[in-house]
Amino acid sequence: MLNRTLFIYLFAHLAPAAIGLFAVALYTHLMSPADYGQYVIGTSIAGIVASMFFSWIRLSVSRYQATSAKIDLRGAAIVAYCAAAAVLAAMAPVAIVITRPGANLPIIVTAVFIALTLGAFEIGQELRRARLEPRRFMVVAVLRSALGVVFGYAAIKLGGGGLGLLIAVAASYFCSSLFKTGVGGGAPMRLVQREHIGQFVRYGLPLSIGGLLFALYSTGDRLIVAYLLGQEAAGQYGLSADLSRQFIVILAASCASATVPVVFRTLANEGAARARAQLSDSAELMLAIIAPVAIWLVVASDVFASVMLGPQFRAGASLIMPLLVAARMMGAFNQFYLQTSFQLAEKPLPQVLAESLILVVSVVLLVPLAYAFGVLGAAIATVLTEATGLLIGWRLSKRAFAMPFDGARIARVFAASAALAAAVWGAKLLVGNSGLSALIVVFLAGALAYGAMAYALNIARVRTLLTGRLLPLVPGLWRRAVFRG
């Protein structure tokens, strides 16, 4: 059941990631770095606003809806969303007046609209995930991504530039949120219970502070780059940050989508020991998915950029994308594995502390390094910040719900990833570091090397699973000779 669910969630994240990758490649051929920088600034503001006003609802749904199929938090989520949206609508004019005349008013207004639609979209998706409805989750995720690239292409071709692309993104979230997929399998919505709203406030609001701090860190670096280095530099930096997210964060999120709700339910029904056993499997699985992708991008970023990106973006991506990919791998493991500890223990304050410390470290490192070394300095600061955040998350999680680590299993993942790196490096020496044929060769070399090592080392029990599926298909004597002998 878990493997089937994981496959659905992987597709639900990989299909939008593939569409998003196509969209980024398309945009870099149609837009200048300055126009793309406008898009980066708007989406960064939207992410911060959405985290401030709506993440507490999403996190509460994630924690409590997953504990039992008998609970129905849809009504409570709608009430909470409407209340948060009303507060945002009341505060937005004040914020606009305060930030003028230096702020770009159209970008701010569009960013607020994106935040509203993004909040509704993510809450709906969290309800589907927590109610163990992966197919509906997948349909809406793919629909949103497809609408985004269609609307975005139309907006750019009509001359909208970065602002037009922002409006297109908002429209894609809005239309996807309205799409009827039957959250809850079409069951009638139950009446809102006061105790559910109380749970949202007690549990979610403190966590929303941590979510806001995380958003300030994860998107604030782009805003700092824009402020210090200009809109064009923000476009170059934001592109590599977007690509890192498409590859690493989305893969980690897909693994967490499949495993975390099951862990919540197991903890409630079977106890902590069984939940920790599932978490150990989850840690190995997550690293087995994101580590090889990250290592491949670190080694082959120049080959990737030569084919996928527009000429104005290639040099910048080749320079800083390896650093940002390494940073996002550490950050994704911290966010989607270590920080699950705070939700399992229902202790939001340690997460607030963790995100506060990470934000402080980010600002302290990012401002001087970006000012002194440009976008390269900003990328180096991000790597150092994520490494520090990983240590902070590990230390604090030990005081909440101790997360298991199997050193031998994790070492096998990185041994296979090292084999991948060697294979890709060797392939680049043979075929060069640019062009479509080089990209295909280095991709196949890495995939074959990692696949062979994963099978040999039985990473995430892949050999056990494959052998179990293949054995019934192999005639008796030959089967015994090959698989047992």
Protein backbone atom coordinates (compact mmCIF):
# COMPACT_ATOMS: atom_id res chain seq x y z
CA MET A 1 0.00 0.00 0.00
CA LEU A 2 2.79 2.45 0.94
CA ASN A 3 4.72 1.69 -2.25
CA ARG A 4 1.63 2.35 -4.38
CA THR A 5 0.91 5.55 -2.49
CA LEU A 6 4.52 6.68 -2.79
CA PHE A 7 4.40 6.08 -6.53
CA ILE A 8 1.28 8.22 -6.86
CA TYR A 9 2.77 11.04 -4.80
CA LEU A 10 6.02 10.82 -6.73
CA PHE A 11 4.07 11.25 -9.94
CA ALA A 12 2.01 14.02 -8.34
CA HIS A 13 5.22 15.93 -7.63
CA LEU A 14 7.41 14.78 -10.52
CA ALA A 15 4.87 15.61 -13.23
CA PRO A 16 4.47 19.22 -11.99
CA ALA A 17 8.24 19.39 -11.52
CA ALA A 18 8.78 18.31 -15.12
CA ILE A 19 6.22 20.85 -16.31
CA GLY A 20 7.87 23.47 -14.10
CA LEU A 21 11.29 22.62 -15.52
CA PHE A 22 9.93 23.01 -19.03
CA ALA A 23 8.36 26.32 -18.00
CA VAL A 24 11.61 27.65 -16.51
CA ALA A 25 13.52 26.67 -19.64
CA LEU A 26 10.84 28.33 -21.77
CA TYR A 27 10.83 31.53 -19.71
CA THR A 28 14.62 31.88 -19.88
CA HIS A 29 14.38 31.83 -23.68
CA LEU A 30 11.54 34.38 -23.74
CA MET A 31 12.50 36.78 -20.92
CA SER A 32 15.50 38.82 -19.89
CA PRO A 33 17.11 38.30 -16.45
CA ALA A 34 15.59 41.63 -15.35
CA ASP A 35 12.06 40.52 -16.29
CA TYR A 36 12.61 37.18 -14.60
CA GLY A 37 13.87 39.08 -11.57
CA GLN A 38 10.51 40.88 -11.41
CA TYR A 39 8.81 37.48 -11.31
CA VAL A 40 11.21 36.27 -8.60
CA ILE A 41 10.51 39.31 -6.41
CA GLY A 42 6.73 38.92 -6.74
CA THR A 43 6.67 35.21 -5.94
CA SER A 44 9.02 35.75 -3.00
CA ILE A 45 6.68 38.34 -1.48
CA ALA A 46 3.70 36.06 -2.13
CA GLY A 47 5.41 33.15 -0.38
CA ILE A 48 6.10 35.24 2.70
CA VAL A 49 2.52 36.58 2.85
CA ALA A 50 1.00 33.11 2.34
CA SER A 51 3.15 31.67 5.12
CA MET A 52 2.21 34.50 7.45
CA PHE A 53 -1.55 34.16 7.01
CA PHE A 54 -2.30 30.60 5.87
CA SER A 55 0.46 28.16 6.88
CA TRP A 56 -1.08 27.68 10.36
CA ILE A 57 -4.20 26.25 8.73
CA ARG A 58 -2.26 23.91 6.47
CA LEU A 59 -0.06 22.65 9.31
CA SER A 60 -3.06 22.05 11.58
CA VAL A 61 -4.85 20.10 8.87
CA SER A 62 -1.71 18.05 8.29
CA ARG A 63 -1.39 17.15 11.97
CA TYR A 64 -4.99 16.41 12.99
CA GLN A 65 -6.78 15.30 9.83
CA ALA A 66 -4.29 12.48 9.31
CA THR A 67 -4.89 10.93 12.74
CA SER A 68 -8.24 9.37 11.81
CA ALA A 69 -10.44 8.89 8.78
CA LYS A 70 -13.47 9.76 10.95
CA ILE A 71 -12.36 13.37 11.46
CA ASP A 72 -13.57 16.01 9.00
CA LEU A 73 -11.73 19.32 9.23
CA ARG A 74 -12.90 20.78 5.93
CA GLY A 75 -15.39 23.16 7.54
CA ALA A 76 -12.88 24.31 10.14
CA ALA A 77 -10.29 24.92 7.41
CA ILE A 78 -12.75 27.02 5.40
CA VAL A 79 -13.69 29.13 8.42
CA ALA A 80 -10.04 29.65 9.33
CA TYR A 81 -9.13 30.55 5.75
CA CYS A 82 -11.91 33.13 5.47
CA ALA A 83 -10.85 34.70 8.76
CA ALA A 84 -7.20 34.89 7.67
CA ALA A 85 -8.16 36.27 4.26
CA ALA A 86 -10.29 38.99 5.92
CA VAL A 87 -7.35 40.02 8.10
CA LEU A 88 -5.05 40.08 5.06
CA ALA A 89 -7.54 42.18 3.10
CA ALA A 90 -7.72 44.66 5.97
CA MET A 91 -3.96 44.90 6.37
CA ALA A 92 -2.95 45.01 2.69
CA PRO A 93 -3.90 48.68 2.09
CA VAL A 94 -1.95 49.74 5.17
CA ALA A 95 1.12 47.82 4.01
CA ILE A 96 0.88 49.36 0.54
CA VAL A 97 0.73 52.89 1.99
CA ILE A 98 3.71 52.22 4.25
CA THR A 99 5.90 50.77 1.49
CA ARG A 100 5.20 53.51 -1.05
CA PRO A 101 6.73 55.26 -2.96
CA GLY A 102 9.74 52.95 -3.20
CA ALA A 103 7.73 49.75 -3.73
CA ASN A 104 6.36 48.57 -7.08
CA LEU A 105 2.61 48.73 -6.44
CA PRO A 106 1.48 46.37 -9.26
CA ILE A 107 3.91 43.69 -8.08
CA ILE A 108 2.74 44.00 -4.45
CA VAL A 109 -0.96 43.80 -5.40
CA THR A 110 -0.34 40.78 -7.62
CA ALA A 111 1.74 39.13 -4.91
CA VAL A 112 -1.13 39.49 -2.42
CA PHE A 113 -3.50 37.87 -4.94
CA ILE A 114 -1.03 35.02 -5.42
CA ALA A 115 -0.83 34.58 -1.64
CA LEU A 116 -4.64 34.30 -1.38
CA THR A 117 -4.91 31.75 -4.17
CA LEU A 118 -1.78 29.85 -3.08
CA GLY A 119 -3.15 29.58 0.47
CA ALA A 120 -6.46 28.12 -0.73
CA PHE A 121 -4.68 25.72 -3.07
CA GLU A 122 -2.25 24.41 -0.45
CA ILE A 123 -4.94 23.93 2.19
CA GLY A 124 -7.05 21.95 -0.25
CA GLN A 125 -4.07 19.81 -1.19
CA GLU A 126 -3.21 19.24 2.47
CA LEU A 127 -6.75 18.02 3.11
CA ARG A 128 -6.44 15.52 0.26
CA ARG A 129 -3.04 14.36 1.50
CA ALA A 130 -4.10 14.02 5.14
CA ARG A 131 -7.29 12.14 4.17
CA LEU A 132 -5.08 9.73 2.18
CA GLU A 133 -6.53 10.72 -1.20
CA PRO A 134 -3.38 10.62 -3.36
CA ARG A 135 -5.16 10.37 -6.72
CA ARG A 136 -7.14 13.56 -6.18
CA PHE A 137 -3.98 15.22 -4.91
CA MET A 138 -2.23 14.19 -8.12
CA VAL A 139 -4.98 15.44 -10.45
CA VAL A 140 -5.06 18.91 -8.89
CA ALA A 141 -1.25 19.20 -8.74
CA VAL A 142 -0.82 18.35 -12.42
CA LEU A 143 -3.72 20.59 -13.41
CA ARG A 144 -2.22 23.58 -11.58
CA SER A 145 1.16 23.15 -13.22
CA ALA A 146 -0.30 22.73 -16.69
CA LEU A 147 -2.47 25.83 -16.30
CA GLY A 148 0.51 27.77 -14.98
CA VAL A 149 2.69 27.15 -18.03
CA VAL A 150 -0.18 27.76 -20.49
CA PHE A 151 -1.22 31.01 -18.80
CA GLY A 152 2.42 32.06 -18.34
CA TYR A 153 3.35 31.52 -21.98
CA ALA A 154 0.29 33.48 -23.11
CA ALA A 155 1.09 36.34 -20.72
CA ILE A 156 4.69 36.65 -21.91
CA LYS A 157 3.77 36.45 -25.59
CA LEU A 158 1.20 39.21 -25.03
CA GLY A 159 3.97 41.44 -23.70
CA GLY A 160 3.20 41.16 -20.00
CA GLY A 161 6.79 40.45 -18.95
CA GLY A 162 7.44 39.55 -15.33
CA LEU A 163 4.22 41.12 -14.07
CA GLY A 164 2.16 39.23 -16.64
CA LEU A 165 3.80 35.99 -15.54
CA LEU A 166 2.88 36.76 -11.91
CA ILE A 167 -0.76 37.30 -12.88
CA ALA A 168 -0.70 34.01 -14.80
CA VAL A 169 0.60 32.15 -11.74
CA ALA A 170 -2.14 33.63 -9.56
CA ALA A 171 -4.77 32.65 -12.15
CA SER A 172 -3.48 29.04 -12.24
CA TYR A 173 -3.81 28.69 -8.45
CA PHE A 174 -7.26 30.30 -8.52
CA CYS A 175 -8.61 28.01 -11.25
CA SER A 176 -7.12 24.88 -9.65
CA SER A 177 -8.64 25.75 -6.27
CA LEU A 178 -12.08 25.94 -7.91
CA PHE A 179 -11.68 22.61 -9.70
CA LYS A 180 -14.09 20.07 -8.23
CA THR A 181 -12.20 16.93 -7.29
CA GLY A 182 -14.35 15.87 -4.38
CA VAL A 183 -12.17 16.33 -1.31
CA GLY A 184 -13.42 13.68 1.08
CA GLY A 185 -14.73 11.41 -1.66
CA GLY A 186 -17.91 13.45 -2.07
CA ALA A 187 -19.02 12.88 1.52
CA PRO A 188 -21.14 15.68 2.98
CA MET A 189 -19.16 18.20 5.00
CA ARG A 190 -19.68 17.95 8.73
CA LEU A 191 -20.57 20.90 10.92
CA VAL A 192 -17.71 23.02 12.18
CA GLN A 193 -16.80 22.15 15.75
CA ARG A 194 -15.44 24.77 18.10
CA GLU A 195 -12.83 22.39 19.44
CA HIS A 196 -11.32 22.01 15.96
CA ILE A 197 -10.93 25.77 15.62
CA GLY A 198 -9.32 25.77 19.06
CA GLN A 199 -6.88 23.07 17.93
CA PHE A 200 -5.99 25.12 14.88
CA VAL A 201 -5.28 28.19 16.99
CA ARG A 202 -3.34 26.44 19.77
CA TYR A 203 -1.26 24.24 17.49
CA GLY A 204 -1.14 26.05 14.18
CA LEU A 205 -0.56 29.67 15.13
CA PRO A 206 2.75 29.05 16.94
CA LEU A 207 3.87 26.87 14.03
CA SER A 208 2.89 29.60 11.60
CA ILE A 209 5.53 31.80 13.19
CA GLY A 210 8.08 29.14 12.34
CA GLY A 211 6.59 28.87 8.85
CA LEU A 212 6.86 32.61 8.39
CA LEU A 213 10.47 32.59 9.55
CA PHE A 214 11.19 29.74 7.14
CA ALA A 215 9.55 31.67 4.31
CA LEU A 216 11.56 34.77 5.20
CA TYR A 217 14.71 32.70 4.99
CA SER A 218 13.86 30.60 1.90
CA THR A 219 12.63 33.56 -0.17
CA GLY A 220 14.24 36.47 1.65
CA ASP A 221 17.61 35.66 0.11
CA ARG A 222 16.19 36.60 -3.29
CA LEU A 223 14.84 39.87 -1.96
CA ILE A 224 18.17 40.69 -0.35
CA VAL A 225 19.96 39.93 -3.62
CA ALA A 226 17.49 42.17 -5.45
CA TYR A 227 18.04 44.98 -2.94
CA LEU A 228 21.83 44.74 -2.89
CA LEU A 229 22.61 43.72 -6.47
CA GLY A 230 19.58 44.70 -8.54
CA GLN A 231 16.70 43.08 -10.36
CA GLU A 232 18.87 41.34 -12.97
CA ALA A 233 21.00 39.65 -10.30
CA ALA A 234 17.79 38.57 -8.57
CA GLY A 235 16.71 36.95 -11.83
CA GLN A 236 19.99 35.04 -12.15
CA TYR A 237 19.98 33.95 -8.51
CA GLY A 238 16.25 33.22 -8.46
CA LEU A 239 16.50 30.99 -11.52
CA SER A 240 19.04 28.69 -9.87
CA ALA A 241 16.98 28.75 -6.66
CA ASP A 242 13.86 27.77 -8.64
CA LEU A 243 15.66 24.92 -10.38
CA SER A 244 17.01 23.65 -7.06
CA ARG A 245 13.49 23.62 -5.70
CA GLN A 246 12.11 21.85 -8.78
CA PHE A 247 14.58 19.03 -8.39
CA ILE A 248 15.26 18.65 -4.67
CA VAL A 249 12.49 20.16 -2.57
CA ILE A 250 9.69 18.71 -4.68
CA LEU A 251 11.19 15.22 -4.52
CA ALA A 252 11.56 15.44 -0.74
CA ALA A 253 8.00 16.74 -0.45
CA SER A 254 6.69 13.80 -2.47
CA CYS A 255 8.36 11.35 -0.11
CA ALA A 256 7.01 13.20 2.94
CA SER A 257 3.52 13.31 1.40
CA ALA A 258 3.46 9.52 1.23
CA THR A 259 5.09 8.74 4.58
CA VAL A 260 4.28 11.46 7.12
CA PRO A 261 0.47 11.00 7.30
CA VAL A 262 1.03 7.26 7.75
CA VAL A 263 3.50 7.95 10.58
CA PHE A 264 0.99 10.27 12.30
CA ARG A 265 -1.69 7.58 12.15
CA THR A 266 0.74 4.86 13.28
CA LEU A 267 1.84 6.96 16.27
CA ALA A 268 -1.79 7.46 17.28
CA ASN A 269 -2.79 3.81 16.86
CA GLU A 270 0.35 1.67 17.39
CA GLY A 271 2.74 3.76 19.45
CA ALA A 272 6.12 5.45 19.19
CA ALA A 273 8.26 2.36 18.54
CA ARG A 274 6.40 1.41 15.39
CA ALA A 275 6.35 5.06 14.24
CA ARG A 276 10.13 5.30 14.63
CA ALA A 277 10.61 2.16 12.54
CA GLN A 278 8.62 3.81 9.75
CA LEU A 279 10.60 7.02 10.16
CA SER A 280 13.87 5.13 9.73
CA ASP A 281 12.61 3.73 6.45
CA SER A 282 11.45 7.22 5.46
CA ALA A 283 14.87 8.77 6.11
CA GLU A 284 16.64 6.21 3.91
CA LEU A 285 14.01 6.52 1.19
CA MET A 286 14.14 10.31 1.15
CA LEU A 287 17.92 10.40 0.88
CA ALA A 288 17.87 7.62 -1.73
CA ILE A 289 15.64 9.85 -3.86
CA ILE A 290 17.18 13.31 -3.38
CA ALA A 291 20.90 12.55 -2.92
CA PRO A 292 21.59 11.12 -6.41
CA VAL A 293 19.66 13.96 -8.07
CA ALA A 294 21.59 16.54 -6.08
CA ILE A 295 24.98 14.93 -6.80
CA TRP A 296 24.16 14.68 -10.51
CA LEU A 297 23.25 18.36 -10.68
CA VAL A 298 26.36 19.38 -8.79
CA VAL A 299 28.61 17.55 -11.24
CA ALA A 300 26.62 18.13 -14.46
CA SER A 301 25.17 21.62 -13.94
CA ASP A 302 27.19 23.05 -16.86
CA VAL A 303 25.90 20.37 -19.24
CA PHE A 304 22.34 20.89 -18.03
CA ALA A 305 22.52 24.68 -18.40
CA SER A 306 23.96 24.47 -21.93
CA VAL A 307 20.85 22.67 -23.17
CA MET A 308 17.95 23.76 -20.98
CA LEU A 309 18.52 27.48 -20.33
CA GLY A 310 18.58 30.61 -22.43
CA PRO A 311 21.98 32.09 -23.35
CA GLN A 312 21.70 34.97 -20.84
CA PHE A 313 21.24 32.57 -17.93
CA ARG A 314 23.75 29.78 -18.64
CA ALA A 315 26.92 31.19 -17.09
CA GLY A 316 25.20 32.23 -13.87
CA ALA A 317 23.44 28.89 -13.42
CA SER A 318 26.65 26.92 -14.05
CA LEU A 319 28.37 28.99 -11.37
CA ILE A 320 25.87 28.96 -8.51
CA MET A 321 23.44 26.10 -9.12
CA PRO A 322 25.78 23.40 -7.70
CA LEU A 323 25.99 25.36 -4.44
CA LEU A 324 22.24 25.98 -4.21
CA VAL A 325 21.45 22.33 -5.00
CA ALA A 326 23.72 21.17 -2.17
CA ALA A 327 22.08 23.71 0.12
CA ARG A 328 18.55 22.63 -0.81
CA MET A 329 19.37 18.97 -0.18
CA MET A 330 20.38 19.77 3.40
CA GLY A 331 17.41 22.09 3.84
CA ALA A 332 14.93 19.57 2.43
CA PHE A 333 16.10 16.82 4.79
CA ASN A 334 15.86 19.24 7.69
CA GLN A 335 12.40 20.51 6.74
CA PHE A 336 10.73 17.27 5.64
CA TYR A 337 12.37 14.84 8.05
CA LEU A 338 13.99 16.40 11.10
CA GLN A 339 11.31 19.03 11.68
CA THR A 340 8.58 16.40 11.51
CA SER A 341 9.76 15.71 15.06
CA PHE A 342 8.07 18.88 16.31
CA GLN A 343 4.75 17.94 14.73
CA LEU A 344 4.90 14.39 16.09
CA ALA A 345 5.55 15.73 19.59
CA GLU A 346 3.01 18.56 19.15
CA LYS A 347 5.71 21.02 20.25
CA PRO A 348 5.64 24.00 17.91
CA LEU A 349 7.95 26.24 19.91
CA PRO A 350 11.16 24.32 19.06
CA GLN A 351 10.36 24.78 15.38
CA VAL A 352 9.91 28.51 15.94
CA LEU A 353 13.29 28.57 17.69
CA ALA A 354 14.94 26.59 14.88
CA GLU A 355 13.59 28.84 12.14
CA SER A 356 14.50 31.96 14.12
CA LEU A 357 18.10 30.84 14.47
CA ILE A 358 18.33 29.89 10.80
CA LEU A 359 16.93 33.25 9.73
CA VAL A 360 19.45 35.12 11.88
CA VAL A 361 22.33 33.05 10.50
CA SER A 362 21.09 33.66 6.95
CA VAL A 363 20.97 37.44 7.28
CA VAL A 364 24.31 37.62 9.10
CA LEU A 365 26.03 35.61 6.34
CA LEU A 366 24.08 36.69 3.28
CA VAL A 367 24.38 40.46 3.47
CA PRO A 368 28.19 40.74 3.69
CA LEU A 369 28.92 37.82 1.34
CA ALA A 370 26.45 39.00 -1.32
CA TYR A 371 27.75 42.56 -1.06
CA ALA A 372 31.36 41.41 -1.39
CA PHE A 373 31.09 38.57 -3.94
CA GLY A 374 27.76 39.07 -5.71
CA VAL A 375 25.49 36.11 -6.50
CA LEU A 376 28.32 33.67 -5.79
CA GLY A 377 28.63 35.05 -2.27
CA ALA A 378 24.87 34.74 -1.81
CA ALA A 379 25.01 31.07 -2.85
CA ILE A 380 27.91 30.38 -0.47
CA ALA A 381 25.96 32.02 2.35
CA THR A 382 22.98 29.78 1.58
CA VAL A 383 25.12 26.63 1.79
CA LEU A 384 26.59 27.68 5.14
CA THR A 385 23.15 28.60 6.46
CA GLU A 386 21.56 25.27 5.48
CA ALA A 387 24.46 23.34 7.03
CA THR A 388 23.97 25.27 10.26
CA GLY A 389 20.21 24.73 10.07
CA LEU A 390 20.71 20.99 9.71
CA LEU A 391 22.73 20.92 12.94
CA ILE A 392 20.15 23.07 14.72
CA GLY A 393 17.30 20.85 13.55
CA TRP A 394 19.10 17.71 14.66
CA ARG A 395 19.83 19.09 18.14
CA LEU A 396 16.32 20.40 18.75
CA SER A 397 14.58 17.31 17.38
CA LYS A 398 16.32 15.20 20.02
CA ARG A 399 14.38 17.14 22.66
CA ALA A 400 11.01 16.76 20.95
CA PHE A 401 10.54 13.37 19.28
CA ALA A 402 13.89 11.69 18.74
CA MET A 403 14.21 10.89 15.04
CA PRO A 404 15.93 7.59 14.21
CA PHE A 405 19.08 7.38 12.10
CA ASP A 406 20.51 4.18 10.70
CA GLY A 407 24.09 5.11 9.87
CA ALA A 408 24.76 2.03 7.77
CA ARG A 409 21.72 2.55 5.56
CA ILE A 410 22.50 6.23 5.02
CA ALA A 411 26.15 5.45 4.27
CA ARG A 412 25.04 3.06 1.52
CA VAL A 413 23.05 5.85 -0.11
CA PHE A 414 26.04 8.16 -0.20
CA ALA A 415 28.34 5.39 -1.43
CA ALA A 416 26.01 4.85 -4.40
CA SER A 417 25.85 8.62 -4.94
CA ALA A 418 29.66 8.76 -5.01
CA ALA A 419 29.66 6.09 -7.71
CA LEU A 420 27.20 8.24 -9.66
CA ALA A 421 29.47 11.29 -9.34
CA ALA A 422 32.46 9.31 -10.63
CA ALA A 423 30.49 7.98 -13.59
CA VAL A 424 29.18 11.44 -14.55
CA TRP A 425 32.63 12.99 -14.25
CA GLY A 426 34.12 10.30 -16.45
CA ALA A 427 31.36 10.73 -19.02
CA LYS A 428 32.00 14.49 -19.17
CA LEU A 429 35.67 13.84 -19.89
CA LEU A 430 34.65 11.66 -22.82
CA VAL A 431 31.82 13.66 -24.41
CA GLY A 432 32.38 17.23 -23.21
CA ASN A 433 30.28 19.56 -21.10
CA SER A 434 27.77 21.01 -23.55
CA GLY A 435 25.13 19.90 -26.02
CA LEU A 436 22.17 17.55 -26.04
CA SER A 437 24.21 14.42 -26.74
CA ALA A 438 26.47 15.18 -23.77
CA LEU A 439 23.42 15.71 -21.55
CA ILE A 440 21.96 12.33 -22.56
CA VAL A 441 25.26 10.53 -22.01
CA VAL A 442 25.96 12.01 -18.57
CA PHE A 443 22.37 11.33 -17.51
CA LEU A 444 22.51 7.68 -18.56
CA ALA A 445 25.96 7.21 -17.00
CA GLY A 446 24.76 8.53 -13.67
CA ALA A 447 21.49 6.60 -13.74
CA LEU A 448 23.18 3.30 -14.58
CA ALA A 449 25.90 3.73 -11.97
CA TYR A 450 23.47 4.66 -9.20
CA GLY A 451 20.94 1.99 -10.20
CA ALA A 452 23.59 -0.74 -10.15
CA MET A 453 24.91 0.35 -6.77
CA ALA A 454 21.41 0.72 -5.32
CA TYR A 455 20.60 -2.85 -6.39
CA ALA A 456 23.92 -4.24 -5.13
CA LEU A 457 23.61 -2.49 -1.74
CA ASN A 458 19.84 -3.09 -1.50
CA ILE A 459 19.17 0.62 -0.89
CA ALA A 460 15.60 1.20 0.30
CA ARG A 461 15.15 -2.56 -0.14
CA VAL A 462 15.10 -2.16 -3.91
CA ARG A 463 16.76 -5.55 -4.53
CA THR A 464 14.36 -7.28 -2.18
CA LEU A 465 11.36 -5.71 -3.93
CA LEU A 466 12.62 -6.41 -7.44
CA THR A 467 13.59 -9.97 -6.61
CA GLY A 468 10.19 -10.59 -5.04
CA ARG A 469 8.48 -9.34 -8.19
CA LEU A 470 10.77 -11.17 -10.65
CA LEU A 471 11.01 -14.55 -8.95
CA PRO A 472 7.50 -15.69 -9.90
CA LEU A 473 8.27 -14.90 -13.55
CA VAL A 474 11.45 -17.00 -13.77
CA PRO A 475 11.29 -20.78 -14.39
CA GLY A 476 12.23 -22.92 -11.43
CA LEU A 477 15.75 -24.24 -12.16
CA TRP A 478 17.04 -21.10 -13.83
CA ARG A 479 15.49 -19.07 -11.07
CA ARG A 480 17.31 -21.01 -8.38
CA ALA A 481 20.60 -20.82 -10.25
CA VAL A 482 20.47 -17.07 -10.78
CA PHE A 483 18.81 -15.75 -7.64
CA ARG A 484 19.84 -18.32 -5.04
CA GLY A 485 22.95 -19.82 -6.27
